[in-house]
Amino acid sequence: MRPGGQPNMQQIMKQAQKMQQQVAQAQAELAAAELTGSAGGGLVSVVMTGLGEVKSVRIDPAAVDPDDIESLEDLVLAAIRNAAEAQRELTEAKMGPATGGLGGGLGIPGF
């Protein structure tokens, strides 16, 4: 703060620019990250990027029972949720420091 209580606009702009660079770096790291979620003791696994894009689904043949499709569907859903939770945690870890703990209204997933 300057004398008289006025913020230094140049300093604020520098901080905003630094934050923008940190956010861009964190987003690049998230895009490159691959997280795996699994269910059923590994019978179903899902690979997801740090930005939430599902890249692949693997289903062990032992999980396929034509008489019980509902259980397989539940395993796939559980694996996706497991990967999404890992993605959310990674996003918080990467974006939290970049945004200085700011929240809401940033247009960033998880904030």
PDB file of N, CA and C in Angstrom:
ATOM      1  N   MET A   1       0.834  -1.179   0.000  1.00  0.00           N
ATOM      2  CA  MET A   1       0.000   0.000   0.000  1.00  0.00           C
ATOM      3  C   MET A   1       0.880   1.245   0.000  1.00  0.00           C
ATOM      4  N   ARG A   2       0.450   2.175  -0.749  1.00  0.00           N
ATOM      5  CA  ARG A   2       1.119   3.465  -0.777  1.00  0.00           C
ATOM      6  C   ARG A   2       0.629   4.314   0.377  1.00  0.00           C
ATOM      7  N   PRO A   3       1.344   5.377   0.676  1.00  0.00           N
ATOM      8  CA  PRO A   3       0.835   6.308   1.685  1.00  0.00           C
ATOM      9  C   PRO A   3      -0.559   6.785   1.266  1.00  0.00           C
ATOM     10  N   GLY A   4      -1.443   6.852   2.215  1.00  0.00           N
ATOM     11  CA  GLY A   4      -2.798   7.272   1.905  1.00  0.00           C
ATOM     12  C   GLY A   4      -3.709   6.090   1.624  1.00  0.00           C
ATOM     13  N   GLY A   5      -3.166   4.845   1.697  1.00  0.00           N
ATOM     14  CA  GLY A   5      -3.986   3.658   1.560  1.00  0.00           C
ATOM     15  C   GLY A   5      -4.281   3.224   0.138  1.00  0.00           C
ATOM     16  N   GLN A   6      -3.655   3.811  -0.866  1.00  0.00           N
ATOM     17  CA  GLN A   6      -3.901   3.426  -2.259  1.00  0.00           C
ATOM     18  C   GLN A   6      -2.977   2.281  -2.661  1.00  0.00           C
ATOM     19  N   PRO A   7      -3.516   1.243  -3.289  1.00  0.00           N
ATOM     20  CA  PRO A   7      -2.669   0.127  -3.717  1.00  0.00           C
ATOM     21  C   PRO A   7      -1.766   0.543  -4.874  1.00  0.00           C
ATOM     22  N   ASN A   8      -0.621  -0.079  -4.959  1.00  0.00           N
ATOM     23  CA  ASN A   8       0.323   0.162  -6.028  1.00  0.00           C
ATOM     24  C   ASN A   8      -0.122  -0.687  -7.228  1.00  0.00           C
ATOM     25  N   MET A   9      -0.686  -0.052  -8.254  1.00  0.00           N
ATOM     26  CA  MET A   9      -1.240  -0.763  -9.407  1.00  0.00           C
ATOM     27  C   MET A   9      -0.171  -1.548 -10.166  1.00  0.00           C
ATOM     28  N   GLN A  10       1.019  -1.009 -10.240  1.00  0.00           N
ATOM     29  CA  GLN A  10       2.092  -1.708 -10.942  1.00  0.00           C
ATOM     30  C   GLN A  10       2.407  -3.027 -10.221  1.00  0.00           C
ATOM     31  N   GLN A  11       2.441  -2.994  -8.911  1.00  0.00           N
ATOM     32  CA  GLN A  11       2.713  -4.203  -8.134  1.00  0.00           C
ATOM     33  C   GLN A  11       1.572  -5.208  -8.297  1.00  0.00           C
ATOM     34  N   ILE A  12       0.342  -4.731  -8.300  1.00  0.00           N
ATOM     35  CA  ILE A  12      -0.812  -5.603  -8.482  1.00  0.00           C
ATOM     36  C   ILE A  12      -0.761  -6.263  -9.854  1.00  0.00           C
ATOM     37  N   MET A  13      -0.404  -5.505 -10.879  1.00  0.00           N
ATOM     38  CA  MET A  13      -0.314  -6.059 -12.232  1.00  0.00           C
ATOM     39  C   MET A  13       0.784  -7.114 -12.322  1.00  0.00           C
ATOM     40  N   LYS A  14       1.914  -6.882 -11.670  1.00  0.00           N
ATOM     41  CA  LYS A  14       2.999  -7.866 -11.663  1.00  0.00           C
ATOM     42  C   LYS A  14       2.544  -9.153 -10.990  1.00  0.00           C
ATOM     43  N   GLN A  15       1.820  -9.014  -9.878  1.00  0.00           N
ATOM     44  CA  GLN A  15       1.332 -10.193  -9.169  1.00  0.00           C
ATOM     45  C   GLN A  15       0.319 -10.954 -10.025  1.00  0.00           C
ATOM     46  N   ALA A  16      -0.548 -10.229 -10.707  1.00  0.00           N
ATOM     47  CA  ALA A  16      -1.552 -10.866 -11.567  1.00  0.00           C
ATOM     48  C   ALA A  16      -0.877 -11.600 -12.723  1.00  0.00           C
ATOM     49  N   GLN A  17       0.143 -10.994 -13.303  1.00  0.00           N
ATOM     50  CA  GLN A  17       0.867 -11.622 -14.411  1.00  0.00           C
ATOM     51  C   GLN A  17       1.585 -12.887 -13.935  1.00  0.00           C
ATOM     52  N   LYS A  18       2.178 -12.815 -12.751  1.00  0.00           N
ATOM     53  CA  LYS A  18       2.861 -13.985 -12.194  1.00  0.00           C
ATOM     54  C   LYS A  18       1.850 -15.099 -11.940  1.00  0.00           C
ATOM     55  N   MET A  19       0.698 -14.754 -11.396  1.00  0.00           N
ATOM     56  CA  MET A  19      -0.342 -15.748 -11.130  1.00  0.00           C
ATOM     57  C   MET A  19      -0.814 -16.374 -12.440  1.00  0.00           C
ATOM     58  N   GLN A  20      -0.981 -15.563 -13.477  1.00  0.00           N
ATOM     59  CA  GLN A  20      -1.422 -16.067 -14.778  1.00  0.00           C
ATOM     60  C   GLN A  20      -0.411 -17.081 -15.328  1.00  0.00           C
ATOM     61  N   GLN A  21       0.878 -16.781 -15.194  1.00  0.00           N
ATOM     62  CA  GLN A  21       1.916 -17.702 -15.660  1.00  0.00           C
ATOM     63  C   GLN A  21       1.895 -18.996 -14.866  1.00  0.00           C
ATOM     64  N   GLN A  22       1.675 -18.898 -13.542  1.00  0.00           N
ATOM     65  CA  GLN A  22       1.627 -20.089 -12.707  1.00  0.00           C
ATOM     66  C   GLN A  22       0.410 -20.953 -13.062  1.00  0.00           C
ATOM     67  N   VAL A  23      -0.714 -20.311 -13.329  1.00  0.00           N
ATOM     68  CA  VAL A  23      -1.924 -21.043 -13.707  1.00  0.00           C
ATOM     69  C   VAL A  23      -1.707 -21.755 -15.040  1.00  0.00           C
ATOM     70  N   ALA A  24      -1.099 -21.077 -16.007  1.00  0.00           N
ATOM     71  CA  ALA A  24      -0.833 -21.689 -17.314  1.00  0.00           C
ATOM     72  C   ALA A  24       0.100 -22.891 -17.160  1.00  0.00           C
ATOM     73  N   GLN A  25       1.109 -22.765 -16.322  1.00  0.00           N
ATOM     74  CA  GLN A  25       2.036 -23.876 -16.079  1.00  0.00           C
ATOM     75  C   GLN A  25       1.306 -25.038 -15.417  1.00  0.00           C
ATOM     76  N   ALA A  26       0.474 -24.739 -14.434  1.00  0.00           N
ATOM     77  CA  ALA A  26      -0.280 -25.793 -13.742  1.00  0.00           C
ATOM     78  C   ALA A  26      -1.230 -26.489 -14.708  1.00  0.00           C
ATOM     79  N   GLN A  27      -1.886 -25.733 -15.581  1.00  0.00           N
ATOM     80  CA  GLN A  27      -2.796 -26.335 -16.555  1.00  0.00           C
ATOM     81  C   GLN A  27      -2.036 -27.246 -17.524  1.00  0.00           C
ATOM     82  N   ALA A  28      -0.846 -26.839 -17.928  1.00  0.00           N
ATOM     83  CA  ALA A  28      -0.029 -27.669 -18.816  1.00  0.00           C
ATOM     84  C   ALA A  28       0.358 -28.974 -18.121  1.00  0.00           C
ATOM     85  N   GLU A  29       0.704 -28.881 -16.843  1.00  0.00           N
ATOM     86  CA  GLU A  29       1.054 -30.073 -16.081  1.00  0.00           C
ATOM     87  C   GLU A  29      -0.155 -30.990 -15.933  1.00  0.00           C
ATOM     88  N   LEU A  30      -1.322 -30.415 -15.707  1.00  0.00           N
ATOM     89  CA  LEU A  30      -2.545 -31.216 -15.588  1.00  0.00           C
ATOM     90  C   LEU A  30      -2.872 -31.910 -16.907  1.00  0.00           C
ATOM     91  N   ALA A  31      -2.705 -31.213 -18.015  1.00  0.00           N
ATOM     92  CA  ALA A  31      -3.001 -31.797 -19.327  1.00  0.00           C
ATOM     93  C   ALA A  31      -2.081 -32.978 -19.621  1.00  0.00           C
ATOM     94  N   ALA A  32      -0.852 -32.915 -19.131  1.00  0.00           N
ATOM     95  CA  ALA A  32       0.119 -33.978 -19.394  1.00  0.00           C
ATOM     96  C   ALA A  32      -0.024 -35.158 -18.433  1.00  0.00           C
ATOM     97  N   ALA A  33      -0.654 -34.929 -17.292  1.00  0.00           N
ATOM     98  CA  ALA A  33      -0.770 -35.980 -16.275  1.00  0.00           C
ATOM     99  C   ALA A  33      -1.784 -37.034 -16.693  1.00  0.00           C
ATOM    100  N   GLU A  34      -1.505 -38.278 -16.341  1.00  0.00           N
ATOM    101  CA  GLU A  34      -2.458 -39.362 -16.542  1.00  0.00           C
ATOM    102  C   GLU A  34      -2.675 -40.039 -15.204  1.00  0.00           C
ATOM    103  N   LEU A  35      -3.945 -40.183 -14.824  1.00  0.00           N
ATOM    104  CA  LEU A  35      -4.318 -40.767 -13.554  1.00  0.00           C
ATOM    105  C   LEU A  35      -5.132 -42.018 -13.824  1.00  0.00           C
ATOM    106  N   THR A  36      -4.957 -43.022 -12.983  1.00  0.00           N
ATOM    107  CA  THR A  36      -5.684 -44.269 -13.157  1.00  0.00           C
ATOM    108  C   THR A  36      -6.613 -44.489 -11.980  1.00  0.00           C
ATOM    109  N   GLY A  37      -7.853 -44.793 -12.291  1.00  0.00           N
ATOM    110  CA  GLY A  37      -8.826 -45.194 -11.283  1.00  0.00           C
ATOM    111  C   GLY A  37      -9.173 -46.638 -11.521  1.00  0.00           C
ATOM    112  N   SER A  38      -9.455 -47.365 -10.445  1.00  0.00           N
ATOM    113  CA  SER A  38      -9.796 -48.767 -10.628  1.00  0.00           C
ATOM    114  C   SER A  38     -10.907 -49.174  -9.678  1.00  0.00           C
ATOM    115  N   ALA A  39     -11.508 -50.316  -9.975  1.00  0.00           N
ATOM    116  CA  ALA A  39     -12.571 -50.862  -9.143  1.00  0.00           C
ATOM    117  C   ALA A  39     -12.551 -52.379  -9.260  1.00  0.00           C
ATOM    118  N   GLY A  40     -13.168 -53.011  -8.282  1.00  0.00           N
ATOM    119  CA  GLY A  40     -13.251 -54.473  -8.317  1.00  0.00           C
ATOM    120  C   GLY A  40     -11.899 -55.135  -8.196  1.00  0.00           C
ATOM    121  N   GLY A  41     -11.015 -54.551  -7.398  1.00  0.00           N
ATOM    122  CA  GLY A  41      -9.683 -55.140  -7.247  1.00  0.00           C
ATOM    123  C   GLY A  41      -8.886 -55.133  -8.530  1.00  0.00           C
ATOM    124  N   GLY A  42      -9.141 -54.143  -9.389  1.00  0.00           N
ATOM    125  CA  GLY A  42      -8.402 -54.019 -10.642  1.00  0.00           C
ATOM    126  C   GLY A  42      -9.095 -54.666 -11.828  1.00  0.00           C
ATOM    127  N   LEU A  43     -10.305 -55.177 -11.637  1.00  0.00           N
ATOM    128  CA  LEU A  43     -11.027 -55.777 -12.768  1.00  0.00           C
ATOM    129  C   LEU A  43     -11.371 -54.743 -13.826  1.00  0.00           C
ATOM    130  N   VAL A  44     -11.589 -53.488 -13.380  1.00  0.00           N
ATOM    131  CA  VAL A  44     -11.885 -52.397 -14.301  1.00  0.00           C
ATOM    132  C   VAL A  44     -10.959 -51.243 -13.951  1.00  0.00           C
ATOM    133  N   SER A  45     -10.311 -50.666 -14.963  1.00  0.00           N
ATOM    134  CA  SER A  45      -9.481 -49.490 -14.726  1.00  0.00           C
ATOM    135  C   SER A  45      -9.754 -48.445 -15.799  1.00  0.00           C
ATOM    136  N   VAL A  46      -9.587 -47.193 -15.387  1.00  0.00           N
ATOM    137  CA  VAL A  46      -9.840 -46.054 -16.259  1.00  0.00           C
ATOM    138  C   VAL A  46      -8.632 -45.130 -16.175  1.00  0.00           C
ATOM    139  N   VAL A  47      -8.147 -44.681 -17.325  1.00  0.00           N
ATOM    140  CA  VAL A  47      -7.070 -43.693 -17.366  1.00  0.00           C
ATOM    141  C   VAL A  47      -7.687 -42.368 -17.789  1.00  0.00           C
ATOM    142  N   MET A  48      -7.376 -41.317 -17.011  1.00  0.00           N
ATOM    143  CA  MET A  48      -7.937 -39.989 -17.223  1.00  0.00           C
ATOM    144  C   MET A  48      -6.803 -38.964 -17.169  1.00  0.00           C
ATOM    145  N   THR A  49      -6.908 -37.915 -17.969  1.00  0.00           N
ATOM    146  CA  THR A  49      -5.916 -36.846 -17.887  1.00  0.00           C
ATOM    147  C   THR A  49      -6.198 -35.992 -16.656  1.00  0.00           C
ATOM    148  N   GLY A  50      -5.250 -35.165 -16.319  1.00  0.00           N
ATOM    149  CA  GLY A  50      -5.416 -34.240 -15.210  1.00  0.00           C
ATOM    150  C   GLY A  50      -6.470 -33.187 -15.483  1.00  0.00           C
ATOM    151  N   LEU A  51      -6.928 -33.077 -16.726  1.00  0.00           N
ATOM    152  CA  LEU A  51      -7.997 -32.143 -17.068  1.00  0.00           C
ATOM    153  C   LEU A  51      -9.358 -32.839 -17.107  1.00  0.00           C
ATOM    154  N   GLY A  52      -9.385 -34.145 -16.800  1.00  0.00           N
ATOM    155  CA  GLY A  52     -10.648 -34.866 -16.711  1.00  0.00           C
ATOM    156  C   GLY A  52     -11.073 -35.609 -17.959  1.00  0.00           C
ATOM    157  N   GLU A  53     -10.240 -35.666 -18.969  1.00  0.00           N
ATOM    158  CA  GLU A  53     -10.578 -36.395 -20.195  1.00  0.00           C
ATOM    159  C   GLU A  53     -10.261 -37.876 -20.007  1.00  0.00           C
ATOM    160  N   VAL A  54     -11.273 -38.734 -20.193  1.00  0.00           N
ATOM    161  CA  VAL A  54     -11.060 -40.168 -20.086  1.00  0.00           C
ATOM    162  C   VAL A  54     -10.321 -40.631 -21.343  1.00  0.00           C
ATOM    163  N   LYS A  55      -9.176 -41.259 -21.127  1.00  0.00           N
ATOM    164  CA  LYS A  55      -8.327 -41.699 -22.242  1.00  0.00           C
ATOM    165  C   LYS A  55      -8.560 -43.162 -22.599  1.00  0.00           C
ATOM    166  N   SER A  56      -8.805 -43.993 -21.579  1.00  0.00           N
ATOM    167  CA  SER A  56      -9.020 -45.412 -21.868  1.00  0.00           C
ATOM    168  C   SER A  56      -9.763 -46.081 -20.721  1.00  0.00           C
ATOM    169  N   VAL A  57     -10.399 -47.194 -21.078  1.00  0.00           N
ATOM    170  CA  VAL A  57     -11.083 -48.055 -20.112  1.00  0.00           C
ATOM    171  C   VAL A  57     -10.595 -49.471 -20.385  1.00  0.00           C
ATOM    172  N   ARG A  58     -10.190 -50.179 -19.322  1.00  0.00           N
ATOM    173  CA  ARG A  58      -9.752 -51.567 -19.464  1.00  0.00           C
ATOM    174  C   ARG A  58     -10.654 -52.427 -18.592  1.00  0.00           C
ATOM    175  N   ILE A  59     -11.188 -53.487 -19.169  1.00  0.00           N
ATOM    176  CA  ILE A  59     -12.065 -54.399 -18.448  1.00  0.00           C
ATOM    177  C   ILE A  59     -11.473 -55.802 -18.536  1.00  0.00           C
ATOM    178  N   ASP A  60     -11.160 -56.375 -17.392  1.00  0.00           N
ATOM    179  CA  ASP A  60     -10.650 -57.740 -17.331  1.00  0.00           C
ATOM    180  C   ASP A  60     -11.782 -58.688 -17.757  1.00  0.00           C
ATOM    181  N   PRO A  61     -11.492 -59.666 -18.599  1.00  0.00           N
ATOM    182  CA  PRO A  61     -12.539 -60.598 -19.023  1.00  0.00           C
ATOM    183  C   PRO A  61     -13.269 -61.275 -17.851  1.00  0.00           C
ATOM    184  N   ALA A  62     -12.597 -61.407 -16.714  1.00  0.00           N
ATOM    185  CA  ALA A  62     -13.230 -62.026 -15.541  1.00  0.00           C
ATOM    186  C   ALA A  62     -14.393 -61.190 -15.014  1.00  0.00           C
ATOM    187  N   ALA A  63     -14.430 -59.912 -15.380  1.00  0.00           N
ATOM    188  CA  ALA A  63     -15.507 -59.028 -14.915  1.00  0.00           C
ATOM    189  C   ALA A  63     -16.745 -59.126 -15.789  1.00  0.00           C
ATOM    190  N   VAL A  64     -16.633 -59.827 -16.901  1.00  0.00           N
ATOM    191  CA  VAL A  64     -17.744 -59.902 -17.856  1.00  0.00           C
ATOM    192  C   VAL A  64     -18.589 -61.144 -17.583  1.00  0.00           C
ATOM    193  N   ASP A  65     -19.793 -60.892 -17.114  1.00  0.00           N
ATOM    194  CA  ASP A  65     -20.774 -61.964 -16.883  1.00  0.00           C
ATOM    195  C   ASP A  65     -22.041 -61.545 -17.607  1.00  0.00           C
ATOM    196  N   PRO A  66     -22.377 -62.205 -18.716  1.00  0.00           N
ATOM    197  CA  PRO A  66     -23.552 -61.804 -19.493  1.00  0.00           C
ATOM    198  C   PRO A  66     -24.846 -61.801 -18.677  1.00  0.00           C
ATOM    199  N   ASP A  67     -24.868 -62.546 -17.586  1.00  0.00           N
ATOM    200  CA  ASP A  67     -26.062 -62.589 -16.745  1.00  0.00           C
ATOM    201  C   ASP A  67     -26.060 -61.504 -15.673  1.00  0.00           C
ATOM    202  N   ASP A  68     -24.980 -60.723 -15.606  1.00  0.00           N
ATOM    203  CA  ASP A  68     -24.892 -59.684 -14.570  1.00  0.00           C
ATOM    204  C   ASP A  68     -24.204 -58.437 -15.125  1.00  0.00           C
ATOM    205  N   ILE A  69     -24.772 -57.853 -16.138  1.00  0.00           N
ATOM    206  CA  ILE A  69     -24.230 -56.638 -16.761  1.00  0.00           C
ATOM    207  C   ILE A  69     -24.232 -55.471 -15.769  1.00  0.00           C
ATOM    208  N   GLU A  70     -25.229 -55.436 -14.892  1.00  0.00           N
ATOM    209  CA  GLU A  70     -25.341 -54.333 -13.928  1.00  0.00           C
ATOM    210  C   GLU A  70     -24.095 -54.215 -13.042  1.00  0.00           C
ATOM    211  N   SER A  71     -23.540 -55.331 -12.616  1.00  0.00           N
ATOM    212  CA  SER A  71     -22.327 -55.283 -11.791  1.00  0.00           C
ATOM    213  C   SER A  71     -21.153 -54.709 -12.572  1.00  0.00           C
ATOM    214  N   LEU A  72     -21.031 -55.071 -13.838  1.00  0.00           N
ATOM    215  CA  LEU A  72     -19.965 -54.523 -14.676  1.00  0.00           C
ATOM    216  C   LEU A  72     -20.155 -53.018 -14.850  1.00  0.00           C
ATOM    217  N   GLU A  73     -21.366 -52.603 -15.077  1.00  0.00           N
ATOM    218  CA  GLU A  73     -21.649 -51.164 -15.200  1.00  0.00           C
ATOM    219  C   GLU A  73     -21.264 -50.433 -13.917  1.00  0.00           C
ATOM    220  N   ASP A  74     -21.569 -51.030 -12.775  1.00  0.00           N
ATOM    221  CA  ASP A  74     -21.207 -50.418 -11.490  1.00  0.00           C
ATOM    222  C   ASP A  74     -19.696 -50.316 -11.333  1.00  0.00           C
ATOM    223  N   LEU A  75     -18.975 -51.350 -11.761  1.00  0.00           N
ATOM    224  CA  LEU A  75     -17.507 -51.322 -11.681  1.00  0.00           C
ATOM    225  C   LEU A  75     -16.922 -50.229 -12.566  1.00  0.00           C
ATOM    226  N   VAL A  76     -17.451 -50.077 -13.774  1.00  0.00           N
ATOM    227  CA  VAL A  76     -16.964 -49.030 -14.684  1.00  0.00           C
ATOM    228  C   VAL A  76     -17.218 -47.658 -14.062  1.00  0.00           C
ATOM    229  N   LEU A  77     -18.406 -47.452 -13.541  1.00  0.00           N
ATOM    230  CA  LEU A  77     -18.734 -46.173 -12.909  1.00  0.00           C
ATOM    231  C   LEU A  77     -17.836 -45.903 -11.706  1.00  0.00           C
ATOM    232  N   ALA A  78     -17.599 -46.914 -10.889  1.00  0.00           N
ATOM    233  CA  ALA A  78     -16.737 -46.750  -9.720  1.00  0.00           C
ATOM    234  C   ALA A  78     -15.303 -46.413 -10.130  1.00  0.00           C
ATOM    235  N   ALA A  79     -14.811 -47.034 -11.194  1.00  0.00           N
ATOM    236  CA  ALA A  79     -13.454 -46.749 -11.670  1.00  0.00           C
ATOM    237  C   ALA A  79     -13.353 -45.320 -12.192  1.00  0.00           C
ATOM    238  N   ILE A  80     -14.376 -44.862 -12.899  1.00  0.00           N
ATOM    239  CA  ILE A  80     -14.380 -43.476 -13.391  1.00  0.00           C
ATOM    240  C   ILE A  80     -14.397 -42.507 -12.213  1.00  0.00           C
ATOM    241  N   ARG A  81     -15.228 -42.780 -11.228  1.00  0.00           N
ATOM    242  CA  ARG A  81     -15.279 -41.908 -10.038  1.00  0.00           C
ATOM    243  C   ARG A  81     -13.957 -41.902  -9.298  1.00  0.00           C
ATOM    244  N   ASN A  82     -13.291 -43.054  -9.228  1.00  0.00           N
ATOM    245  CA  ASN A  82     -11.998 -43.148  -8.566  1.00  0.00           C
ATOM    246  C   ASN A  82     -10.962 -42.300  -9.301  1.00  0.00           C
ATOM    247  N   ALA A  83     -10.946 -42.372 -10.623  1.00  0.00           N
ATOM    248  CA  ALA A  83     -10.025 -41.557 -11.416  1.00  0.00           C
ATOM    249  C   ALA A  83     -10.374 -40.080 -11.293  1.00  0.00           C
ATOM    250  N   ALA A  84     -11.665 -39.743 -11.261  1.00  0.00           N
ATOM    251  CA  ALA A  84     -12.085 -38.351 -11.142  1.00  0.00           C
ATOM    252  C   ALA A  84     -11.673 -37.766  -9.794  1.00  0.00           C
ATOM    253  N   GLU A  85     -11.718 -38.552  -8.744  1.00  0.00           N
ATOM    254  CA  GLU A  85     -11.289 -38.081  -7.426  1.00  0.00           C
ATOM    255  C   GLU A  85      -9.784 -37.803  -7.442  1.00  0.00           C
ATOM    256  N   ALA A  86      -9.017 -38.692  -8.075  1.00  0.00           N
ATOM    257  CA  ALA A  86      -7.576 -38.461  -8.193  1.00  0.00           C
ATOM    258  C   ALA A  86      -7.302 -37.209  -9.011  1.00  0.00           C
ATOM    259  N   GLN A  87      -8.094 -36.985 -10.056  1.00  0.00           N
ATOM    260  CA  GLN A  87      -7.952 -35.789 -10.888  1.00  0.00           C
ATOM    261  C   GLN A  87      -8.268 -34.534 -10.088  1.00  0.00           C
ATOM    262  N   ARG A  88      -9.330 -34.572  -9.279  1.00  0.00           N
ATOM    263  CA  ARG A  88      -9.701 -33.422  -8.448  1.00  0.00           C
ATOM    264  C   ARG A  88      -8.595 -33.089  -7.452  1.00  0.00           C
ATOM    265  N   GLU A  89      -8.035 -34.113  -6.822  1.00  0.00           N
ATOM    266  CA  GLU A  89      -6.963 -33.900  -5.854  1.00  0.00           C
ATOM    267  C   GLU A  89      -5.725 -33.317  -6.528  1.00  0.00           C
ATOM    268  N   LEU A  90      -5.381 -33.818  -7.707  1.00  0.00           N
ATOM    269  CA  LEU A  90      -4.234 -33.287  -8.435  1.00  0.00           C
ATOM    270  C   LEU A  90      -4.482 -31.840  -8.847  1.00  0.00           C
ATOM    271  N   THR A  91      -5.699 -31.533  -9.284  1.00  0.00           N
ATOM    272  CA  THR A  91      -6.042 -30.167  -9.669  1.00  0.00           C
ATOM    273  C   THR A  91      -5.874 -29.225  -8.488  1.00  0.00           C
ATOM    274  N   GLU A  92      -6.364 -29.621  -7.337  1.00  0.00           N
ATOM    275  CA  GLU A  92      -6.221 -28.785  -6.141  1.00  0.00           C
ATOM    276  C   GLU A  92      -4.753 -28.585  -5.787  1.00  0.00           C
ATOM    277  N   ALA A  93      -3.967 -29.663  -5.902  1.00  0.00           N
ATOM    278  CA  ALA A  93      -2.553 -29.568  -5.568  1.00  0.00           C
ATOM    279  C   ALA A  93      -1.803 -28.646  -6.531  1.00  0.00           C
ATOM    280  N   LYS A  94      -2.149 -28.697  -7.813  1.00  0.00           N
ATOM    281  CA  LYS A  94      -1.447 -27.889  -8.817  1.00  0.00           C
ATOM    282  C   LYS A  94      -1.962 -26.451  -8.873  1.00  0.00           C
ATOM    283  N   MET A  95      -3.284 -26.289  -8.792  1.00  0.00           N
ATOM    284  CA  MET A  95      -3.869 -24.966  -8.981  1.00  0.00           C
ATOM    285  C   MET A  95      -3.891 -24.142  -7.697  1.00  0.00           C
ATOM    286  N   GLY A  96      -3.972 -24.789  -6.557  1.00  0.00           N
ATOM    287  CA  GLY A  96      -4.024 -24.060  -5.290  1.00  0.00           C
ATOM    288  C   GLY A  96      -2.857 -23.101  -5.127  1.00  0.00           C
ATOM    289  N   PRO A  97      -1.626 -23.594  -5.248  1.00  0.00           N
ATOM    290  CA  PRO A  97      -0.488 -22.684  -5.117  1.00  0.00           C
ATOM    291  C   PRO A  97      -0.446 -21.617  -6.225  1.00  0.00           C
ATOM    292  N   ALA A  98      -0.878 -21.980  -7.418  1.00  0.00           N
ATOM    293  CA  ALA A  98      -0.827 -21.038  -8.546  1.00  0.00           C
ATOM    294  C   ALA A  98      -1.812 -19.898  -8.371  1.00  0.00           C
ATOM    295  N   THR A  99      -2.925 -20.167  -7.689  1.00  0.00           N
ATOM    296  CA  THR A  99      -3.939 -19.128  -7.526  1.00  0.00           C
ATOM    297  C   THR A  99      -3.875 -18.484  -6.153  1.00  0.00           C
ATOM    298  N   GLY A 100      -2.914 -18.882  -5.372  1.00  0.00           N
ATOM    299  CA  GLY A 100      -2.755 -18.276  -4.058  1.00  0.00           C
ATOM    300  C   GLY A 100      -3.946 -18.511  -3.149  1.00  0.00           C
ATOM    301  N   GLY A 101      -4.633 -19.642  -3.356  1.00  0.00           N
ATOM    302  CA  GLY A 101      -5.772 -19.965  -2.523  1.00  0.00           C
ATOM    303  C   GLY A 101      -7.046 -19.242  -2.896  1.00  0.00           C
ATOM    304  N   LEU A 102      -7.029 -18.501  -4.001  1.00  0.00           N
ATOM    305  CA  LEU A 102      -8.249 -17.822  -4.438  1.00  0.00           C
ATOM    306  C   LEU A 102      -9.247 -18.859  -4.881  1.00  0.00           C
ATOM    307  N   GLY A 103     -10.481 -18.586  -4.713  1.00  0.00           N
ATOM    308  CA  GLY A 103     -11.496 -19.536  -5.123  1.00  0.00           C
ATOM    309  C   GLY A 103     -12.657 -18.834  -5.775  1.00  0.00           C
ATOM    310  N   GLY A 104     -13.478 -19.604  -6.434  1.00  0.00           N
ATOM    311  CA  GLY A 104     -14.725 -19.097  -7.003  1.00  0.00           C
ATOM    312  C   GLY A 104     -14.523 -18.123  -8.130  1.00  0.00           C
ATOM    313  N   GLY A 105     -15.263 -18.320  -9.180  1.00  0.00           N
ATOM    314  CA  GLY A 105     -15.300 -17.351 -10.264  1.00  0.00           C
ATOM    315  C   GLY A 105     -14.071 -17.311 -11.151  1.00  0.00           C
ATOM    316  N   LEU A 106     -13.149 -18.238 -10.962  1.00  0.00           N
ATOM    317  CA  LEU A 106     -11.952 -18.219 -11.795  1.00  0.00           C
ATOM    318  C   LEU A 106     -12.126 -19.009 -13.084  1.00  0.00           C
ATOM    319  N   GLY A 107     -13.197 -19.773 -13.178  1.00  0.00           N
ATOM    320  CA  GLY A 107     -13.413 -20.578 -14.371  1.00  0.00           C
ATOM    321  C   GLY A 107     -12.468 -21.757 -14.462  1.00  0.00           C
ATOM    322  N   ILE A 108     -11.939 -22.179 -13.314  1.00  0.00           N
ATOM    323  CA  ILE A 108     -11.002 -23.287 -13.266  1.00  0.00           C
ATOM    324  C   ILE A 108     -11.702 -24.466 -12.606  1.00  0.00           C
ATOM    325  N   PRO A 109     -11.696 -25.649 -13.234  1.00  0.00           N
ATOM    326  CA  PRO A 109     -12.357 -26.792 -12.615  1.00  0.00           C
ATOM    327  C   PRO A 109     -11.849 -27.015 -11.204  1.00  0.00           C
ATOM    328  N   GLY A 110     -12.755 -27.278 -10.326  1.00  0.00           N
ATOM    329  CA  GLY A 110     -12.374 -27.555  -8.945  1.00  0.00           C
ATOM    330  C   GLY A 110     -12.306 -26.345  -8.055  1.00  0.00           C
ATOM    331  N   PHE A 111     -12.543 -25.153  -8.612  1.00  0.00           N
ATOM    332  CA  PHE A 111     -12.457 -23.943  -7.789  1.00  0.00           C
ATOM    333  C   PHE A 111     -13.758 -23.194  -7.842  1.00  0.00           C
TER     334      PHE A 111
END
